[in-house]
Protein backbone atom coordinates (compact mmCIF):
# COMPACT_ATOMS: atom_id res chain seq x y z
CA MET A 1 88.71 115.73 108.48
CA LYS A 2 85.18 116.97 109.22
CA ASP A 3 84.00 119.68 111.57
CA ASN A 4 81.07 119.52 113.99
CA CYS A 5 78.66 120.47 111.18
CA ASN A 6 79.84 117.50 109.10
CA ARG A 7 81.70 119.78 106.66
CA GLU A 8 84.86 118.18 105.30
CA ILE A 9 87.95 120.36 104.87
CA LYS A 10 88.81 120.18 101.18
CA HIS A 11 91.16 123.08 100.52
CA ILE A 12 93.51 125.61 102.11
CA ARG A 13 93.58 129.41 101.76
CA PHE A 14 97.07 130.57 102.70
CA SER A 15 98.07 134.22 103.15
CA ILE A 16 101.80 134.66 102.58
CA THR A 17 102.10 138.37 103.36
CA SER A 18 100.13 141.25 104.84
CA LYS A 19 101.98 143.70 102.57
CA CYS A 20 99.99 145.25 99.74
CA ASN A 21 100.57 147.84 97.03
CA TYR A 22 96.88 148.80 96.93
CA ASN A 23 94.48 150.49 99.32
CA CYS A 24 91.14 148.85 98.49
CA VAL A 25 88.01 150.49 99.88
CA TYR A 26 86.49 147.13 100.89
CA CYS A 27 89.62 145.34 102.17
CA ASP A 28 88.85 142.56 104.67
CA LYS A 29 92.52 141.77 105.44
CA GLU A 30 91.68 138.08 104.93
CA GLY A 31 89.93 138.20 108.29
CA PHE A 32 93.02 138.60 110.49
CA ILE A 33 95.75 140.95 111.63
CA PRO A 34 99.22 139.38 112.03
CA LYS A 35 100.44 139.09 115.60
CA THR A 36 104.00 138.01 114.81
CA SER A 37 106.39 138.11 111.84
CA GLU A 38 105.62 136.44 108.53
CA LEU A 39 106.41 132.77 108.09
CA ALA A 40 109.73 132.13 106.37
CA LEU A 41 109.88 130.33 103.03
CA GLU A 42 110.84 127.04 104.66
CA GLU A 43 108.04 127.34 107.23
CA ILE A 44 105.46 127.94 104.51
CA THR A 45 106.64 124.88 102.60
CA LYS A 46 106.67 122.74 105.74
CA LEU A 47 103.19 123.84 106.81
CA CYS A 48 101.76 123.20 103.35
CA LYS A 49 103.18 119.67 103.51
CA ILE A 50 101.82 119.06 107.03
CA LEU A 51 98.31 120.26 106.15
CA ALA A 52 98.18 118.18 102.98
CA GLU A 53 99.22 115.06 104.86
CA ILE A 54 96.83 115.60 107.78
CA LEU A 55 93.79 116.76 105.84
CA ASN A 56 94.39 114.88 102.60
CA VAL A 57 93.69 118.09 100.67
CA THR A 58 94.95 118.66 97.13
CA ARG A 59 93.88 122.28 96.58
CA ILE A 60 95.56 125.42 97.90
CA LYS A 61 95.12 129.12 97.17
CA PHE A 62 97.75 131.71 98.04
CA THR A 63 96.62 135.20 99.03
CA GLY A 64 97.93 138.29 100.83
CA GLY A 65 97.79 141.22 101.35
CA GLU A 66 99.06 141.04 97.80
CA PRO A 67 100.97 137.78 97.29
CA LEU A 68 103.02 139.20 94.41
CA CYS A 69 104.53 141.68 96.89
CA ARG A 70 106.30 138.76 98.57
CA ASN A 71 109.81 138.58 97.10
CA GLU A 72 109.96 134.77 97.32
CA ILE A 73 106.56 134.21 95.68
CA VAL A 74 107.91 132.23 92.72
CA LYS A 75 110.01 130.06 95.03
CA ILE A 76 107.01 129.49 97.31
CA ILE A 77 104.95 128.24 94.36
CA LYS A 78 107.84 126.07 93.13
CA ASN A 79 108.44 124.53 96.57
CA VAL A 80 104.77 123.68 97.06
CA SER A 81 104.47 122.33 93.52
CA ASP A 82 107.53 120.16 94.10
CA LEU A 83 105.83 118.52 97.09
CA HIS A 84 103.60 116.73 94.55
CA LEU A 85 100.78 116.82 97.07
CA TYR A 86 98.64 119.59 95.58
CA LYS A 87 96.92 119.09 92.23
CA ASP A 88 95.50 122.61 92.15
CA ILE A 89 97.64 125.61 93.13
CA SER A 90 95.99 128.98 92.66
CA MET A 91 96.41 132.60 93.67
CA THR A 92 94.29 135.68 94.31
CA THR A 93 95.99 138.89 93.19
CA ASN A 94 95.21 142.50 92.34
CA GLY A 95 97.15 141.91 89.13
CA ALA A 96 99.34 145.02 89.22
CA LEU A 97 102.54 142.93 89.11
CA LEU A 98 101.11 140.05 87.11
CA TYR A 99 102.55 141.02 83.74
CA ASP A 100 106.09 140.94 85.12
CA LYS A 101 105.74 137.67 87.04
CA ALA A 102 103.17 135.61 85.13
CA GLU A 103 105.61 133.49 83.14
CA GLU A 104 107.79 132.64 86.15
CA LEU A 105 104.71 131.73 88.18
CA TYR A 106 103.34 129.54 85.42
CA ASN A 107 106.65 127.72 85.03
CA ALA A 108 106.89 127.30 88.82
CA GLY A 109 103.61 125.38 88.89
CA LEU A 110 100.84 127.92 89.49
CA ASN A 111 97.71 126.57 87.78
CA ARG A 112 95.20 129.39 87.89
CA ILE A 113 94.55 132.91 89.16
CA ASN A 114 91.80 135.12 90.52
CA VAL A 115 92.29 138.80 89.73
CA SER A 116 90.38 141.56 91.52
CA LEU A 117 88.81 143.76 88.86
CA GLY A 118 86.12 146.09 90.18
CA SER A 119 85.91 148.35 87.14
CA LEU A 120 86.98 148.77 83.53
CA LYS A 121 86.92 152.55 83.91
CA PRO A 122 90.24 154.08 85.04
CA GLU A 123 88.67 156.71 87.30
CA ILE A 124 86.39 154.19 89.04
CA TYR A 125 89.23 151.67 89.28
CA LYS A 126 91.37 154.25 91.07
CA LYS A 127 88.50 155.09 93.44
CA ILE A 128 88.14 151.43 94.42
CA TYR A 129 91.81 150.45 94.64
CA GLY A 130 93.69 153.71 95.15
CA SER A 131 95.87 152.93 92.13
CA ASP A 132 96.20 153.98 88.48
CA SER A 133 97.23 150.46 87.46
CA LEU A 134 94.21 149.38 85.37
CA ASP A 135 96.12 149.27 82.08
CA LYS A 136 98.92 147.24 83.68
CA VAL A 137 96.38 144.80 85.14
CA LEU A 138 94.70 144.32 81.77
CA GLU A 139 98.09 143.66 80.16
CA GLY A 140 98.82 141.09 82.86
CA LEU A 141 95.50 139.36 82.26
CA GLN A 142 96.17 139.03 78.55
CA LYS A 143 99.64 137.64 79.19
CA ALA A 144 98.30 135.14 81.73
CA ASN A 145 95.69 134.06 79.20
CA GLN A 146 98.33 133.53 76.53
CA LEU A 147 100.52 131.50 78.90
CA GLY A 148 97.69 129.07 79.59
CA PHE A 149 96.45 129.84 83.10
CA ASN A 150 93.03 128.20 83.29
CA PRO A 151 90.61 129.26 84.48
CA ILE A 152 91.26 132.95 84.97
CA LYS A 153 88.61 134.38 87.28
CA LEU A 154 87.83 138.06 87.80
CA ASN A 155 86.62 139.05 91.26
CA PHE A 156 83.97 141.75 90.81
CA VAL A 157 82.73 143.09 94.16
CA LEU A 158 79.46 144.88 93.43
CA MET A 159 79.05 148.24 95.19
CA LYS A 160 76.02 150.50 95.05
CA GLY A 161 76.70 153.80 93.33
CA ILE A 162 80.29 152.88 92.49
CA ASN A 163 80.38 150.07 89.94
CA ASP A 164 76.87 148.61 89.88
CA ASN A 165 76.30 150.07 86.41
CA GLU A 166 79.24 148.12 84.95
CA LEU A 167 77.96 144.58 85.35
CA GLU A 168 76.91 144.13 81.72
CA ASP A 169 80.23 145.52 80.48
CA MET A 170 82.11 143.14 82.79
CA ILE A 171 80.06 140.17 81.57
CA ASP A 172 80.82 141.06 77.95
CA PHE A 173 84.52 141.53 78.74
CA CYS A 174 84.70 138.08 80.32
CA ALA A 175 82.78 136.44 77.48
CA LYS A 176 85.13 137.92 74.86
CA ASN A 177 88.28 136.88 76.72
CA GLY A 178 87.21 133.53 78.13
CA PHE A 179 87.43 134.71 81.75
CA VAL A 180 85.07 133.57 84.52
CA LEU A 181 83.29 136.41 86.31
CA GLN A 182 82.96 136.01 90.06
CA LEU A 183 80.10 138.28 91.08
CA ILE A 184 80.70 138.98 94.76
CA GLU A 185 78.23 140.57 97.15
CA LEU A 186 79.91 143.07 99.48
CA HIS A 187 80.23 141.46 102.89
CA GLN A 188 80.61 142.88 106.36
CA VAL A 189 84.15 142.73 107.71
CA SER A 190 84.88 140.82 110.89
CA GLU A 191 84.93 142.79 114.14
CA VAL A 192 88.24 141.00 114.79
CA ILE A 193 89.87 143.51 112.43
CA GLY A 194 87.63 146.46 113.23
CA GLY A 195 84.65 145.97 110.92
CA ASN A 196 83.44 148.17 108.05
CA GLY A 197 79.99 149.18 109.27
CA ASP A 198 79.55 152.59 107.62
CA PHE A 199 81.07 151.54 104.32
CA TYR A 200 78.95 148.39 104.23
CA ASP A 201 75.77 150.30 105.06
CA ASN A 202 76.42 152.90 102.36
CA TYR A 203 77.54 150.66 99.49
CA HIS A 204 76.06 147.20 100.04
CA LEU A 205 73.76 146.05 97.26
CA ASP A 206 71.47 143.03 97.53
CA VAL A 207 72.39 140.78 94.60
CA LYS A 208 69.30 138.56 94.83
CA PRO A 209 67.46 140.44 92.03
CA ILE A 210 70.56 140.16 89.85
CA ILE A 211 70.80 136.42 90.51
CA GLU A 212 67.11 136.02 89.63
CA GLU A 213 67.74 137.83 86.34
CA LEU A 214 70.74 135.63 85.60
CA GLU A 215 68.61 132.56 86.30
CA SER A 216 66.07 133.72 83.72
CA LYS A 217 68.75 134.33 81.07
CA ALA A 218 71.06 131.36 81.68
CA GLU A 219 71.29 128.46 79.28
CA LYS A 220 72.67 126.32 82.08
CA ILE A 221 72.88 126.62 85.88
CA LEU A 222 75.37 124.68 87.97
CA VAL A 223 75.96 124.48 91.71
CA ARG A 224 79.50 124.12 93.02
CA GLY A 225 78.78 121.77 95.87
CA SER A 226 82.44 121.57 96.82
CA MET A 227 82.69 125.37 97.05
CA GLN A 228 80.01 126.72 99.40
CA ASN A 229 77.16 125.72 97.06
CA ARG A 230 77.92 128.64 94.74
CA LYS A 231 75.62 129.03 91.75
CA VAL A 232 77.27 129.24 88.33
CA PHE A 233 75.38 130.66 85.35
CA ILE A 234 76.33 130.00 81.72
CA LEU A 235 74.80 132.66 79.48
CA PRO A 236 73.96 132.52 75.75
CA ASN A 237 77.08 134.59 74.92
CA SER A 238 79.18 131.86 76.64
CA ALA A 239 79.87 134.07 79.68
CA ILE A 240 80.35 132.10 82.89
CA ILE A 241 79.25 133.89 86.05
CA GLU A 242 79.88 132.49 89.51
CA THR A 243 77.99 134.13 92.38
CA ILE A 244 79.30 134.56 95.91
CA THR A 245 76.74 135.75 98.44
CA PRO A 246 77.21 135.65 102.23
CA SER A 247 74.43 133.59 103.81
CA HIS A 248 73.74 130.67 106.10
CA GLU A 249 73.76 128.33 103.10
CA PHE A 250 77.10 129.83 102.03
CA CYS A 251 78.57 129.07 105.46
CA MET A 252 77.08 125.59 105.57
CA GLY A 253 78.85 124.81 102.31
CA CYS A 254 82.24 126.11 103.49
CA THR A 255 85.04 123.55 103.21
CA LYS A 256 88.16 125.69 103.62
CA LEU A 257 90.76 126.18 106.32
CA ARG A 258 92.74 129.44 106.45
CA VAL A 259 96.35 130.22 107.30
CA GLY A 260 97.47 133.75 108.15
CA CYS A 261 100.87 135.01 107.02
CA ASP A 262 102.16 134.72 110.61
CA GLY A 263 101.11 131.07 110.91
CA ASN A 264 97.68 131.56 112.48
CA LEU A 265 95.49 128.61 111.48
CA PHE A 266 91.77 129.42 111.60
CA GLY A 267 88.54 128.10 110.22
CA CYS A 268 86.42 131.15 109.40
CA LEU A 269 86.92 134.54 107.76
CA TYR A 270 85.00 136.11 110.63
CA ARG A 271 86.61 134.26 113.55
CA SER A 272 90.39 134.37 113.23
CA ASP A 273 90.42 134.94 116.99
CA LEU A 274 89.58 131.24 117.39
CA GLY A 275 92.73 130.21 115.53
CA LYS A 276 95.90 128.52 116.71
CA ASN A 277 99.26 130.01 115.74
CA LEU A 278 101.63 127.34 114.44
CA LYS A 279 104.78 129.43 114.12
CA GLN A 280 106.31 128.18 117.37
CA ALA A 281 105.19 124.63 116.67
CA LEU A 282 107.07 124.73 113.36
CA LYS A 283 110.23 125.71 115.24
CA ASN A 284 109.74 122.87 117.75
CA HIS A 285 109.53 120.18 115.07
CA TYR A 286 106.42 118.51 116.49
CA SER A 287 105.38 115.04 115.39
CA LEU A 288 102.65 114.79 112.76
CA GLU A 289 100.30 113.49 115.47
CA LYS A 290 100.85 116.66 117.53
CA TYR A 291 100.10 118.86 114.53
CA GLU A 292 97.00 116.80 113.86
CA GLN A 293 95.73 117.53 117.39
CA ILE A 294 96.15 121.28 116.81
CA VAL A 295 94.47 121.16 113.42
CA LYS A 296 91.59 119.16 114.91
CA GLN A 297 91.06 121.85 117.58
CA VAL A 298 90.79 124.51 114.88
CA VAL A 299 88.48 122.42 112.71
CA ASP A 300 86.25 121.76 115.74
CA SER A 301 86.00 125.53 116.37
CA ARG A 302 84.25 126.10 113.04
CA GLU A 303 80.57 126.99 113.07
CA PRO A 304 78.30 128.77 110.58
CA TYR A 305 78.76 132.51 111.06
CA PHE A 306 75.45 133.56 109.54
């Protein structure tokens, strides 16, 4: 299914809880605030099946809040894996509970993970996330690596005066461990959830000069055309760095549809207010054609934000 800008929906980003055990300074709440209760396990499974059948997508990423705070997380992964509709099941996590749950998740069918890691220094880590869990996160990463999660990506949100002096250390850390570094430019938070104006103004750092430097050093440069035209740099030390920068081009390459933990289906991180909540529809057991009409309305609401 394509939107009015001829962008085909290729994957789903599904929040399964708004609960979180961290208090991140840059939290964007996945672009929405729940209006009703969280979807039940059966509703999540059913909606994943419906979206795969309507959109013919085979990739899904589970998020939160913090998805590992959801008690049924392993069962959610197992149920979706057992649908045999998704070839790529991934998760974004802060990693604090990863060590304890990694093996169960892997056995349930989770293929890969993104772990938020804004610093390798305990005091800076605590400043960013409000938690002393760095050592636990690093243990979880090593365990996930040993189990065979591939790729493991580290989300590094660059912030002026906080962690901008750690980029080289983070690149080396990823090269040594075989992780992919996702270098993320701090973005403004949607007004739908209250924005982050002062924080953004104080800590935003333009990553264009960094990208230019990476271009000069890289042995190979790729462009992920199926993922918002993100540039990927492969450095001489084998480090792989993927760059995520908010821009018009970024929006024009967007191919994802989002689901909030309460069943709100929406097409843009910045416009969850244009979504359609499917919680009641799931209770009413609509036909697939009826769901397709709702999904089409949401897809048609998408437009480049920048």
